[in-house]
Amino acid sequence: MRYYYISGPITNATQEQLEAFGRVSGMLELRGIDYFNPLETPEPPEGTHVWQYYMKRSLSELCECDAIVTLPGWEDSRGCQLEVFVAQNLGIKIIPFESL
């Protein structure tokens, strides 16, 4: 079973960038690939620093994945840069969205 992580800008993202998560999720489902979509992470508890909350959960999931799919604009996102850095250093395959 393959498990892919979807990496794209979320903070200050455009509607088109956010919609890309859904498009990729659908493409992976059609191919029978399980995935982690960070947009589906539950809301943080009140008083929690939001960015750190989401990154801790996201990086934990990323470490279990076989590949990371990078969405357009990932290069401009601090979180995506961190995710790609972790993937590179853990030997997780990096797949640009355009290559799916």
C-alpha atoms as a PDB file:
ATOM      1  CA  MET A   1       0.000   0.000   0.000  1.00  0.00           C
ATOM      2  CA  ARG A   2       1.339   3.426  -0.911  1.00  0.00           C
ATOM      3  CA  TYR A   3       0.842   6.449   1.332  1.00  0.00           C
ATOM      4  CA  TYR A   4       1.440   9.951  -0.064  1.00  0.00           C
ATOM      5  CA  TYR A   5       1.658  13.296   1.687  1.00  0.00           C
ATOM      6  CA  ILE A   6       0.197  16.358  -0.070  1.00  0.00           C
ATOM      7  CA  SER A   7       2.310  19.483   0.473  1.00  0.00           C
ATOM      8  CA  GLY A   8       1.094  22.910  -0.558  1.00  0.00           C
ATOM      9  CA  PRO A   9       0.740  26.414   0.793  1.00  0.00           C
ATOM     10  CA  ILE A  10      -2.060  26.879   3.312  1.00  0.00           C
ATOM     11  CA  THR A  11      -1.289  30.068   5.228  1.00  0.00           C
ATOM     12  CA  ASN A  12      -2.189  33.012   2.969  1.00  0.00           C
ATOM     13  CA  ALA A  13      -3.000  30.586   0.131  1.00  0.00           C
ATOM     14  CA  THR A  14      -5.222  31.555  -2.765  1.00  0.00           C
ATOM     15  CA  GLN A  15      -8.496  29.732  -3.346  1.00  0.00           C
ATOM     16  CA  GLU A  16      -6.900  28.018  -6.355  1.00  0.00           C
ATOM     17  CA  GLN A  17      -4.000  26.772  -4.205  1.00  0.00           C
ATOM     18  CA  LEU A  18      -6.397  25.391  -1.599  1.00  0.00           C
ATOM     19  CA  GLU A  19      -8.521  23.701  -4.270  1.00  0.00           C
ATOM     20  CA  ALA A  20      -5.402  21.926  -5.561  1.00  0.00           C
ATOM     21  CA  PHE A  21      -5.420  19.786  -2.393  1.00  0.00           C
ATOM     22  CA  GLY A  22      -8.830  18.409  -3.366  1.00  0.00           C
ATOM     23  CA  ARG A  23      -7.802  17.782  -6.970  1.00  0.00           C
ATOM     24  CA  VAL A  24      -4.731  15.820  -5.897  1.00  0.00           C
ATOM     25  CA  SER A  25      -6.724  13.890  -3.275  1.00  0.00           C
ATOM     26  CA  GLY A  26      -9.147  12.824  -5.988  1.00  0.00           C
ATOM     27  CA  MET A  27      -6.351  11.807  -8.356  1.00  0.00           C
ATOM     28  CA  LEU A  28      -4.691   9.694  -5.668  1.00  0.00           C
ATOM     29  CA  GLU A  29      -7.985   8.049  -4.691  1.00  0.00           C
ATOM     30  CA  LEU A  30      -8.602   7.052  -8.309  1.00  0.00           C
ATOM     31  CA  ARG A  31      -5.175   5.396  -8.347  1.00  0.00           C
ATOM     32  CA  GLY A  32      -5.806   3.538  -5.109  1.00  0.00           C
ATOM     33  CA  ILE A  33      -3.195   5.532  -3.192  1.00  0.00           C
ATOM     34  CA  ASP A  34      -3.812   6.454   0.438  1.00  0.00           C
ATOM     35  CA  TYR A  35      -2.860  10.018   1.289  1.00  0.00           C
ATOM     36  CA  PHE A  36      -2.586  12.607   4.018  1.00  0.00           C
ATOM     37  CA  ASN A  37      -4.220  15.942   3.226  1.00  0.00           C
ATOM     38  CA  PRO A  38      -3.185  18.520   5.854  1.00  0.00           C
ATOM     39  CA  LEU A  39      -6.370  20.488   5.189  1.00  0.00           C
ATOM     40  CA  GLU A  40      -8.241  17.652   6.907  1.00  0.00           C
ATOM     41  CA  THR A  41      -6.355  18.058  10.211  1.00  0.00           C
ATOM     42  CA  PRO A  42      -8.730  18.798  13.119  1.00  0.00           C
ATOM     43  CA  GLU A  43      -8.814  22.337  14.496  1.00  0.00           C
ATOM     44  CA  PRO A  44      -6.279  23.074  17.250  1.00  0.00           C
ATOM     45  CA  PRO A  45      -7.351  23.465  20.863  1.00  0.00           C
ATOM     46  CA  GLU A  46      -7.989  27.046  21.915  1.00  0.00           C
ATOM     47  CA  GLY A  47      -4.850  28.847  23.014  1.00  0.00           C
ATOM     48  CA  THR A  48      -2.596  26.677  20.855  1.00  0.00           C
ATOM     49  CA  HIS A  49      -0.116  28.290  18.487  1.00  0.00           C
ATOM     50  CA  VAL A  50      -1.774  27.325  15.225  1.00  0.00           C
ATOM     51  CA  TRP A  51       1.218  27.022  12.872  1.00  0.00           C
ATOM     52  CA  GLN A  52       3.217  24.824  15.256  1.00  0.00           C
ATOM     53  CA  TYR A  53       0.148  22.676  15.968  1.00  0.00           C
ATOM     54  CA  TYR A  54      -0.390  21.919  12.292  1.00  0.00           C
ATOM     55  CA  MET A  55       3.304  21.410  11.507  1.00  0.00           C
ATOM     56  CA  LYS A  56       3.780  18.919  14.347  1.00  0.00           C
ATOM     57  CA  ARG A  57       0.896  16.819  13.084  1.00  0.00           C
ATOM     58  CA  SER A  58       1.909  17.188   9.450  1.00  0.00           C
ATOM     59  CA  LEU A  59       5.545  16.239   9.984  1.00  0.00           C
ATOM     60  CA  SER A  60       4.499  13.230  12.013  1.00  0.00           C
ATOM     61  CA  GLU A  61       2.362  12.015   9.090  1.00  0.00           C
ATOM     62  CA  LEU A  62       5.042  12.857   6.540  1.00  0.00           C
ATOM     63  CA  CYS A  63       7.495  10.554   8.308  1.00  0.00           C
ATOM     64  CA  GLU A  64       5.120   7.632   7.627  1.00  0.00           C
ATOM     65  CA  CYS A  65       4.700   8.394   3.909  1.00  0.00           C
ATOM     66  CA  ASP A  66       6.285   6.826   0.847  1.00  0.00           C
ATOM     67  CA  ALA A  67       6.206  10.061  -1.150  1.00  0.00           C
ATOM     68  CA  ILE A  68       5.377  13.739  -0.905  1.00  0.00           C
ATOM     69  CA  VAL A  69       3.442  15.493  -3.681  1.00  0.00           C
ATOM     70  CA  THR A  70       4.383  19.180  -3.946  1.00  0.00           C
ATOM     71  CA  LEU A  71       1.666  21.544  -5.132  1.00  0.00           C
ATOM     72  CA  PRO A  72       2.267  24.768  -7.070  1.00  0.00           C
ATOM     73  CA  GLY A  73       3.626  27.526  -4.851  1.00  0.00           C
ATOM     74  CA  TRP A  74       5.228  25.199  -2.298  1.00  0.00           C
ATOM     75  CA  GLU A  75       8.558  27.005  -2.706  1.00  0.00           C
ATOM     76  CA  ASP A  76       7.077  30.170  -1.172  1.00  0.00           C
ATOM     77  CA  SER A  77       5.702  28.420   1.925  1.00  0.00           C
ATOM     78  CA  ARG A  78       7.793  28.109   5.076  1.00  0.00           C
ATOM     79  CA  GLY A  79       5.898  24.952   6.070  1.00  0.00           C
ATOM     80  CA  CYS A  80       6.288  23.313   2.662  1.00  0.00           C
ATOM     81  CA  GLN A  81       9.985  24.117   2.605  1.00  0.00           C
ATOM     82  CA  LEU A  82      10.322  22.349   5.953  1.00  0.00           C
ATOM     83  CA  GLU A  83       8.300  19.357   4.691  1.00  0.00           C
ATOM     84  CA  VAL A  84      10.455  19.015   1.567  1.00  0.00           C
ATOM     85  CA  PHE A  85      13.636  19.361   3.646  1.00  0.00           C
ATOM     86  CA  VAL A  86      12.480  16.543   5.924  1.00  0.00           C
ATOM     87  CA  ALA A  87      11.473  14.392   2.948  1.00  0.00           C
ATOM     88  CA  GLN A  88      14.858  14.916   1.261  1.00  0.00           C
ATOM     89  CA  ASN A  89      16.734  13.995   4.417  1.00  0.00           C
ATOM     90  CA  LEU A  90      14.617  10.909   5.119  1.00  0.00           C
ATOM     91  CA  GLY A  91      14.793   9.610   1.558  1.00  0.00           C
ATOM     92  CA  ILE A  92      11.087  10.141   0.918  1.00  0.00           C
ATOM     93  CA  LYS A  93      10.326  10.436  -2.800  1.00  0.00           C
ATOM     94  CA  ILE A  94       9.366  13.958  -3.918  1.00  0.00           C
ATOM     95  CA  ILE A  95       6.794  14.154  -6.713  1.00  0.00           C
ATOM     96  CA  PRO A  96       5.924  17.532  -8.237  1.00  0.00           C
ATOM     97  CA  PHE A  97       2.169  17.910  -8.826  1.00  0.00           C
ATOM     98  CA  GLU A  98       2.772  18.201 -12.557  1.00  0.00           C
ATOM     99  CA  SER A  99       4.341  14.722 -12.621  1.00  0.00           C
ATOM    100  CA  LEU A 100       1.335  12.871 -11.197  1.00  0.00           C
END
